[in-house]
Amino acid sequence: MGEVNEKETEAREKKEREKDERKEEREKEEKISFWTTLPGILTAVALIITAIAGLTTALAGAGFFDKPPALVETPTVSPSATTPAVSPTAATPAVTTTATETASPFTVVAQPASARRGEEVALIFSRPAGISTVRLNGITLPIRAYPNYVVVTVPATATGGPFEIILMDGQTASAEFTVLPDTTVTTAKPRPPYVVVTPAMLITMTPGP
């Protein structure tokens, strides 16, 4: 009897072990199938998000995400940057002009426009100019210069105009002029003295005997 009981006990224990082993295998299979299904995947993602959120909260509480104060840098400015050097030629470009572009036409008028030899004539300019030479009939004349005119004397050998004027810069001009004829002075011849005859001066002639 005792041997029969032992065998039955061993048989029950064996069945229970086999039952437990089958149960463990079923649980493993259920776990594997759970993680391979869509609900299992969603649950896994939710767990990962929850873990990340918890980690982030912990790091924030520890001050890991606090930003350090911003450093304000003071740029170093060289003197050449604040005051750039400007060459005079760049600031004020040189402009080359010719005399014909800037100077007005130069004209001369004789005042008076006619005179006799030995008389003075003023040559009046349209603008101030440096006079080099004044000629009349090829004769170079002495001049008295003033800011806007010169005075010359009509030479004794002059026959007519115009005056020729040469400036210091080489420009030339002319002024119309007429030489008047010299004045002829006529000397009156002396008349013979008049003889006044009075009656007392008459002589009575009587015939002779």
Protein backbone atom coordinates (compact mmCIF):
# COMPACT_ATOMS: atom_id res chain seq x y z
CA MET A 1 0.00 0.00 0.00
CA GLY A 2 2.76 2.34 0.86
CA GLU A 3 4.45 1.89 -2.49
CA VAL A 4 1.17 2.54 -4.31
CA ASN A 5 0.70 5.83 -2.49
CA GLU A 6 4.18 6.96 -3.28
CA LYS A 7 3.70 6.24 -6.96
CA GLU A 8 0.41 8.10 -7.02
CA THR A 9 2.02 11.06 -5.26
CA GLU A 10 4.88 11.09 -7.70
CA ALA A 11 2.39 10.88 -10.62
CA ARG A 12 0.40 13.88 -9.28
CA GLU A 13 3.54 15.92 -8.72
CA LYS A 14 4.70 15.10 -12.22
CA LYS A 15 1.35 16.17 -13.66
CA GLU A 16 1.44 19.38 -11.65
CA ARG A 17 4.97 20.15 -12.87
CA GLU A 18 3.93 19.47 -16.45
CA LYS A 19 0.86 21.65 -15.89
CA ASP A 20 3.05 24.46 -14.49
CA GLU A 21 5.47 24.13 -17.39
CA ARG A 22 2.63 24.33 -19.92
CA LYS A 23 1.26 27.37 -18.10
CA GLU A 24 4.64 29.11 -18.21
CA GLU A 25 4.96 28.35 -21.91
CA ARG A 26 1.46 29.78 -22.53
CA GLU A 27 2.35 32.94 -20.62
CA LYS A 28 5.56 33.35 -22.63
CA GLU A 29 3.62 32.86 -25.83
CA GLU A 30 1.03 35.41 -24.71
CA LYS A 31 3.74 37.96 -23.87
CA ILE A 32 5.41 37.45 -27.23
CA SER A 33 2.13 37.81 -29.11
CA PHE A 34 1.23 40.93 -27.06
CA TRP A 35 4.39 42.82 -28.09
CA THR A 36 3.95 41.84 -31.69
CA THR A 37 0.40 43.24 -31.96
CA LEU A 38 -0.64 46.91 -32.57
CA PRO A 39 -1.90 47.50 -29.02
CA GLY A 40 1.35 46.19 -27.71
CA ILE A 41 3.32 48.57 -29.96
CA LEU A 42 1.20 51.54 -28.87
CA THR A 43 1.61 50.61 -25.25
CA ALA A 44 5.38 50.34 -25.72
CA VAL A 45 5.51 53.81 -27.36
CA ALA A 46 3.44 55.25 -24.51
CA LEU A 47 5.83 53.74 -22.00
CA ILE A 48 8.82 55.22 -23.84
CA ILE A 49 7.20 58.69 -23.96
CA THR A 50 6.37 58.47 -20.28
CA ALA A 51 9.95 57.53 -19.50
CA ILE A 52 11.31 60.42 -21.59
CA ALA A 53 8.92 62.87 -19.93
CA GLY A 54 9.97 61.70 -16.52
CA LEU A 55 13.65 62.02 -17.44
CA THR A 56 13.10 65.53 -18.82
CA THR A 57 11.27 66.62 -15.68
CA ALA A 58 14.08 65.30 -13.54
CA LEU A 59 16.75 67.08 -15.55
CA ALA A 60 14.78 70.35 -15.52
CA GLY A 61 14.39 70.14 -11.77
CA ALA A 62 18.15 69.70 -11.46
CA GLY A 63 18.72 72.89 -13.49
CA PHE A 64 20.26 71.09 -16.42
CA PHE A 65 18.27 73.12 -18.96
CA ASP A 66 18.90 76.55 -17.39
CA LYS A 67 20.60 78.84 -19.92
CA PRO A 68 23.74 80.66 -18.82
CA PRO A 69 23.54 84.47 -18.90
CA ALA A 70 24.28 85.89 -22.32
CA LEU A 71 27.67 87.52 -22.65
CA VAL A 72 27.57 90.97 -24.23
CA GLU A 73 30.68 91.46 -26.28
CA THR A 74 31.98 94.96 -26.82
CA PRO A 75 33.39 95.11 -30.34
CA THR A 76 36.77 96.68 -30.66
CA VAL A 77 36.62 99.53 -33.15
CA SER A 78 39.84 100.75 -34.63
CA PRO A 79 40.29 104.50 -35.26
CA SER A 80 40.59 103.87 -38.97
CA ALA A 81 37.10 102.27 -38.95
CA THR A 82 35.44 105.26 -37.23
CA THR A 83 37.24 107.89 -39.24
CA PRO A 84 37.96 106.55 -42.72
CA ALA A 85 40.67 108.39 -44.57
CA VAL A 86 39.35 110.24 -47.57
CA SER A 87 41.77 111.49 -50.16
CA PRO A 88 41.18 115.03 -51.43
CA THR A 89 40.98 113.78 -54.98
CA ALA A 90 38.17 111.35 -54.08
CA ALA A 91 36.16 113.97 -52.13
CA THR A 92 36.58 116.75 -54.69
CA PRO A 93 37.30 115.39 -58.16
CA ALA A 94 39.42 117.73 -60.25
CA VAL A 95 37.65 119.25 -63.24
CA THR A 96 39.78 120.50 -66.10
CA THR A 97 38.36 123.47 -67.97
CA THR A 98 39.72 125.45 -70.88
CA ALA A 99 39.90 129.21 -71.19
CA THR A 100 37.23 129.24 -73.89
CA GLU A 101 34.76 127.47 -71.53
CA THR A 102 35.18 129.81 -68.57
CA ALA A 103 36.18 133.20 -70.01
CA SER A 104 33.66 135.47 -71.69
CA PRO A 105 34.54 136.94 -75.12
CA PHE A 106 37.05 139.79 -74.89
CA THR A 107 36.14 142.94 -76.80
CA VAL A 108 37.62 146.45 -76.93
CA VAL A 109 35.99 149.79 -77.76
CA ALA A 110 37.94 152.99 -78.57
CA GLN A 111 36.65 156.10 -76.83
CA PRO A 112 36.47 158.37 -78.69
CA ALA A 113 36.24 156.37 -81.90
CA SER A 114 38.03 159.13 -83.87
CA ALA A 115 40.73 161.60 -82.92
CA ARG A 116 43.56 163.66 -84.40
CA ARG A 117 47.24 162.86 -84.15
CA GLY A 118 48.66 163.71 -80.74
CA GLU A 119 45.31 163.30 -78.95
CA GLU A 120 44.65 160.64 -76.29
CA VAL A 121 42.25 157.72 -76.74
CA ALA A 122 40.93 155.31 -74.09
CA LEU A 123 40.64 151.61 -75.06
CA ILE A 124 37.86 150.19 -72.85
CA PHE A 125 37.74 146.39 -72.21
CA SER A 126 34.67 144.16 -71.81
CA ARG A 127 36.35 142.54 -68.78
CA PRO A 128 39.57 143.06 -66.82
CA ALA A 129 42.57 141.68 -68.67
CA GLY A 130 46.32 141.94 -68.73
CA ILE A 131 47.39 143.96 -71.78
CA SER A 132 50.72 143.12 -73.35
CA THR A 133 50.87 145.34 -76.45
CA VAL A 134 48.80 148.01 -78.27
CA ARG A 135 49.57 148.83 -81.89
CA LEU A 136 48.22 151.32 -84.43
CA ASN A 137 49.38 151.02 -88.06
CA GLY A 138 52.02 148.56 -86.85
CA ILE A 139 53.44 151.09 -84.36
CA THR A 140 53.70 149.87 -80.75
CA LEU A 141 52.25 152.56 -78.48
CA PRO A 142 53.13 153.46 -74.89
CA ILE A 143 50.15 152.73 -72.60
CA ARG A 144 48.83 153.88 -69.25
CA ALA A 145 47.07 150.85 -67.80
CA TYR A 146 44.00 150.85 -65.55
CA PRO A 147 41.83 147.91 -64.36
CA ASN A 148 39.34 148.06 -67.27
CA TYR A 149 41.02 150.27 -69.84
CA VAL A 150 44.29 151.73 -71.12
CA VAL A 151 45.08 155.21 -72.46
CA VAL A 152 47.23 155.72 -75.56
CA THR A 153 48.25 158.72 -77.68
CA VAL A 154 47.62 158.75 -81.41
CA PRO A 155 51.08 158.88 -83.00
CA ALA A 156 52.03 161.63 -85.41
CA THR A 157 52.49 159.12 -88.26
CA ALA A 158 49.14 157.37 -87.82
CA THR A 159 46.94 157.15 -90.86
CA GLY A 160 43.94 155.16 -89.57
CA GLY A 161 42.64 152.29 -87.41
CA PRO A 162 42.00 149.84 -86.09
CA PHE A 163 43.89 149.48 -82.81
CA GLU A 164 45.46 146.04 -82.33
CA ILE A 165 45.46 144.72 -78.72
CA ILE A 166 47.46 141.68 -77.56
CA LEU A 167 46.74 140.16 -74.10
CA MET A 168 49.18 138.52 -71.74
CA ASP A 169 47.71 135.07 -72.48
CA GLY A 170 48.18 135.55 -76.24
CA GLN A 171 44.60 136.45 -77.15
CA THR A 172 44.09 139.32 -79.59
CA ALA A 173 41.38 141.89 -80.12
CA SER A 174 40.83 145.03 -82.20
CA ALA A 175 39.02 148.34 -81.86
CA GLU A 176 37.76 150.40 -84.76
CA PHE A 177 39.31 153.86 -84.91
CA THR A 178 39.53 156.76 -87.38
CA VAL A 179 42.35 159.29 -87.56
CA LEU A 180 40.94 162.75 -88.18
CA PRO A 181 42.82 165.15 -90.45
CA ASP A 182 44.93 167.77 -88.80
CA THR A 183 43.46 171.28 -88.45
CA THR A 184 44.97 173.81 -90.95
CA VAL A 185 45.63 177.23 -89.42
CA THR A 186 45.43 180.04 -92.02
CA THR A 187 47.48 183.16 -91.23
CA ALA A 188 45.88 186.40 -92.46
CA LYS A 189 48.10 188.63 -94.49
CA PRO A 190 48.54 192.19 -93.10
CA ARG A 191 46.65 194.82 -94.95
CA PRO A 192 48.34 198.12 -96.04
CA PRO A 193 47.59 201.05 -93.79
CA TYR A 194 44.70 203.21 -94.73
CA VAL A 195 45.43 206.95 -95.68
CA VAL A 196 42.81 209.32 -94.53
CA VAL A 197 42.78 212.52 -96.59
CA THR A 198 41.28 215.57 -94.99
CA PRO A 199 40.35 218.86 -96.68
CA ALA A 200 43.19 220.59 -94.90
CA MET A 201 45.57 218.20 -96.57
CA LEU A 202 44.41 219.11 -100.03
CA ILE A 203 46.83 221.34 -101.94
CA THR A 204 45.40 223.85 -104.36
CA MET A 205 47.39 223.93 -107.49
CA THR A 206 47.32 227.26 -109.35
CA PRO A 207 48.61 227.70 -112.89
CA GLY A 208 51.82 229.60 -113.33
CA PRO A 209 52.24 232.88 -115.16
